[in-house]
Structure formats: C-alpha cells, structure tokens
Amino acid sequence: MYQRIRDLREDHDLTQREVAQILHCSQQVYSNYELGQRDIPTAVLIALARFYKTTTDYILGLSDTP
C-alpha cells in the first residue's frame, strides 16, 4: 500500500508537499504514510482514492486494476 501511494504521487508528478496540502496535513505526516511509519486513516485513504481517481482496493493492494 505504501509503495502504491508513492507510485501514484510520482506518476502524477506531484511532490509530497503538494499531496500533503491536498490532504490538509504536513509534509512530514504524508512522508510517514509513504514510508509505512504511520497508518493511513480511512478518511485519508478515501481522499487519496478520489484524488487519483482509483479505488481504495487498488491502494490497499487488494486489486491490481487502478
């Protein structure tokens, strides 16, 4: 899951800071999500799926179809 959110961010040519602003959190908190050092809250998971126009199942690794 953590690698997927990083890959999605990089595929959209975004920085951690830009995604953090979209999620209304700090760059450090978002970095911790990508590194797996902090669990991703459900609301943030849903926000990421909506932003990237994908499913939560894809982000969670339950599906390989974005």
N, C-alpha and C. Protein backbone atom coordinates (compact mmCIF):
# COMPACT_ATOMS: atom_id res chain seq x y z
N MET A 1 0.83 -1.19 0.00
CA MET A 1 0.00 0.00 0.00
C MET A 1 0.87 1.25 0.00
N TYR A 2 1.93 1.25 0.78
CA TYR A 2 2.75 2.45 0.89
C TYR A 2 3.47 2.76 -0.42
N GLN A 3 3.94 1.72 -1.07
CA GLN A 3 4.60 1.92 -2.37
C GLN A 3 3.60 2.41 -3.41
N ARG A 4 2.36 1.95 -3.31
CA ARG A 4 1.34 2.38 -4.28
C ARG A 4 1.04 3.86 -4.17
N ILE A 5 0.94 4.38 -2.94
CA ILE A 5 0.64 5.81 -2.84
C ILE A 5 1.84 6.64 -3.33
N ARG A 6 3.03 6.12 -3.12
CA ARG A 6 4.21 6.82 -3.65
C ARG A 6 4.21 6.78 -5.18
N ASP A 7 3.94 5.60 -5.74
CA ASP A 7 3.90 5.47 -7.20
C ASP A 7 2.82 6.36 -7.81
N LEU A 8 1.65 6.40 -7.20
CA LEU A 8 0.58 7.26 -7.71
C LEU A 8 1.01 8.72 -7.69
N ARG A 9 1.63 9.14 -6.60
CA ARG A 9 2.09 10.53 -6.48
C ARG A 9 3.12 10.84 -7.57
N GLU A 10 4.08 9.95 -7.73
CA GLU A 10 5.13 10.19 -8.73
C GLU A 10 4.59 10.13 -10.15
N ASP A 11 3.62 9.24 -10.40
CA ASP A 11 3.01 9.17 -11.73
C ASP A 11 2.27 10.45 -12.09
N HIS A 12 1.82 11.19 -11.07
CA HIS A 12 1.12 12.45 -11.31
C HIS A 12 2.06 13.65 -11.18
N ASP A 13 3.36 13.38 -11.08
CA ASP A 13 4.39 14.43 -10.97
C ASP A 13 4.11 15.41 -9.84
N LEU A 14 3.77 14.86 -8.68
CA LEU A 14 3.49 15.68 -7.51
C LEU A 14 4.56 15.46 -6.45
N THR A 15 4.78 16.49 -5.64
CA THR A 15 5.69 16.35 -4.51
C THR A 15 4.90 15.91 -3.28
N GLN A 16 5.61 15.45 -2.29
CA GLN A 16 4.94 15.09 -1.03
C GLN A 16 4.24 16.32 -0.45
N ARG A 17 4.87 17.44 -0.55
CA ARG A 17 4.28 18.68 -0.01
C ARG A 17 2.95 19.00 -0.70
N GLU A 18 2.89 18.83 -2.01
CA GLU A 18 1.65 19.12 -2.75
C GLU A 18 0.52 18.18 -2.34
N VAL A 19 0.83 16.90 -2.20
CA VAL A 19 -0.20 15.95 -1.78
C VAL A 19 -0.61 16.23 -0.34
N ALA A 20 0.34 16.57 0.50
CA ALA A 20 0.03 16.91 1.90
C ALA A 20 -0.94 18.10 1.97
N GLN A 21 -0.72 19.08 1.12
CA GLN A 21 -1.62 20.24 1.10
C GLN A 21 -3.03 19.82 0.69
N ILE A 22 -3.14 18.92 -0.26
CA ILE A 22 -4.44 18.43 -0.70
C ILE A 22 -5.14 17.70 0.43
N LEU A 23 -4.36 16.96 1.22
CA LEU A 23 -4.92 16.17 2.32
C LEU A 23 -5.04 16.96 3.62
N HIS A 24 -4.56 18.20 3.61
CA HIS A 24 -4.60 19.06 4.79
C HIS A 24 -3.80 18.47 5.95
N CYS A 25 -2.59 18.02 5.63
CA CYS A 25 -1.68 17.54 6.66
C CYS A 25 -0.29 18.07 6.33
N SER A 26 0.66 17.81 7.20
CA SER A 26 2.02 18.28 6.95
C SER A 26 2.74 17.33 6.00
N GLN A 27 3.81 17.84 5.41
CA GLN A 27 4.62 17.01 4.52
C GLN A 27 5.21 15.84 5.30
N GLN A 28 5.58 16.07 6.55
CA GLN A 28 6.17 15.01 7.37
C GLN A 28 5.17 13.89 7.64
N VAL A 29 3.92 14.24 7.92
CA VAL A 29 2.89 13.22 8.14
C VAL A 29 2.70 12.41 6.87
N TYR A 30 2.60 13.09 5.73
CA TYR A 30 2.42 12.37 4.48
C TYR A 30 3.63 11.48 4.18
N SER A 31 4.82 11.96 4.44
CA SER A 31 6.02 11.17 4.25
C SER A 31 5.95 9.89 5.09
N ASN A 32 5.47 10.02 6.31
CA ASN A 32 5.33 8.85 7.19
C ASN A 32 4.33 7.84 6.62
N TYR A 33 3.30 8.32 5.94
CA TYR A 33 2.36 7.41 5.27
C TYR A 33 3.09 6.61 4.19
N GLU A 34 3.86 7.29 3.38
CA GLU A 34 4.57 6.63 2.28
C GLU A 34 5.63 5.65 2.79
N LEU A 35 6.23 5.96 3.90
CA LEU A 35 7.27 5.11 4.46
C LEU A 35 6.71 3.96 5.30
N GLY A 36 5.40 3.98 5.54
CA GLY A 36 4.78 2.95 6.35
C GLY A 36 5.03 3.13 7.84
N GLN A 37 5.45 4.33 8.23
CA GLN A 37 5.73 4.61 9.63
C GLN A 37 4.49 5.09 10.38
N ARG A 38 3.43 5.31 9.63
CA ARG A 38 2.19 5.78 10.22
C ARG A 38 1.05 5.16 9.43
N ASP A 39 0.05 4.63 10.13
CA ASP A 39 -1.12 4.07 9.45
C ASP A 39 -1.90 5.17 8.76
N ILE A 40 -2.44 4.85 7.60
CA ILE A 40 -3.23 5.82 6.84
C ILE A 40 -4.67 5.75 7.33
N PRO A 41 -5.19 6.86 7.86
CA PRO A 41 -6.58 6.85 8.31
C PRO A 41 -7.54 6.60 7.14
N THR A 42 -8.68 6.04 7.45
CA THR A 42 -9.66 5.71 6.42
C THR A 42 -10.05 6.93 5.60
N ALA A 43 -10.26 8.06 6.25
CA ALA A 43 -10.65 9.28 5.53
C ALA A 43 -9.57 9.71 4.55
N VAL A 44 -8.32 9.55 4.91
CA VAL A 44 -7.21 9.92 4.03
C VAL A 44 -7.13 8.93 2.88
N LEU A 45 -7.33 7.66 3.17
CA LEU A 45 -7.33 6.63 2.12
C LEU A 45 -8.40 6.94 1.08
N ILE A 46 -9.58 7.28 1.53
CA ILE A 46 -10.68 7.62 0.62
C ILE A 46 -10.34 8.88 -0.18
N ALA A 47 -9.78 9.88 0.49
CA ALA A 47 -9.40 11.12 -0.20
C ALA A 47 -8.36 10.86 -1.29
N LEU A 48 -7.39 10.00 -0.99
CA LEU A 48 -6.38 9.66 -1.99
C LEU A 48 -7.00 8.94 -3.18
N ALA A 49 -7.90 8.00 -2.91
CA ALA A 49 -8.56 7.26 -3.99
C ALA A 49 -9.36 8.21 -4.88
N ARG A 50 -10.07 9.13 -4.26
CA ARG A 50 -10.86 10.09 -5.05
C ARG A 50 -9.95 11.02 -5.86
N PHE A 51 -8.89 11.49 -5.23
CA PHE A 51 -7.99 12.42 -5.91
C PHE A 51 -7.34 11.76 -7.12
N TYR A 52 -6.88 10.53 -6.95
CA TYR A 52 -6.20 9.83 -8.04
C TYR A 52 -7.16 9.08 -8.96
N LYS A 53 -8.46 9.18 -8.66
CA LYS A 53 -9.50 8.52 -9.48
C LYS A 53 -9.22 7.02 -9.60
N THR A 54 -8.99 6.40 -8.45
CA THR A 54 -8.77 4.96 -8.37
C THR A 54 -9.61 4.42 -7.22
N THR A 55 -9.41 3.17 -6.88
CA THR A 55 -10.19 2.58 -5.80
C THR A 55 -9.32 2.40 -4.56
N THR A 56 -9.99 2.33 -3.42
CA THR A 56 -9.26 2.03 -2.20
C THR A 56 -8.67 0.63 -2.26
N ASP A 57 -9.37 -0.28 -2.93
CA ASP A 57 -8.84 -1.64 -3.09
C ASP A 57 -7.50 -1.63 -3.81
N TYR A 58 -7.36 -0.79 -4.82
CA TYR A 58 -6.08 -0.69 -5.55
C TYR A 58 -4.99 -0.17 -4.60
N ILE A 59 -5.30 0.88 -3.88
CA ILE A 59 -4.30 1.45 -2.97
C ILE A 59 -3.91 0.43 -1.89
N LEU A 60 -4.87 -0.32 -1.40
CA LEU A 60 -4.60 -1.31 -0.36
C LEU A 60 -3.93 -2.57 -0.87
N GLY A 61 -3.82 -2.71 -2.19
CA GLY A 61 -3.18 -3.87 -2.77
C GLY A 61 -4.12 -5.07 -2.94
N LEU A 62 -5.43 -4.83 -2.80
CA LEU A 62 -6.41 -5.91 -2.95
C LEU A 62 -6.78 -6.13 -4.41
N SER A 63 -6.41 -5.18 -5.25
CA SER A 63 -6.69 -5.25 -6.68
C SER A 63 -5.50 -4.69 -7.44
N ASP A 64 -5.25 -5.24 -8.60
CA ASP A 64 -4.18 -4.70 -9.43
C ASP A 64 -4.70 -3.81 -10.54
N THR A 65 -6.02 -3.55 -10.52
CA THR A 65 -6.65 -2.70 -11.52
C THR A 65 -6.84 -1.31 -10.92
N PRO A 66 -6.09 -0.35 -11.46
CA PRO A 66 -6.24 1.03 -10.93
C PRO A 66 -7.58 1.59 -11.31
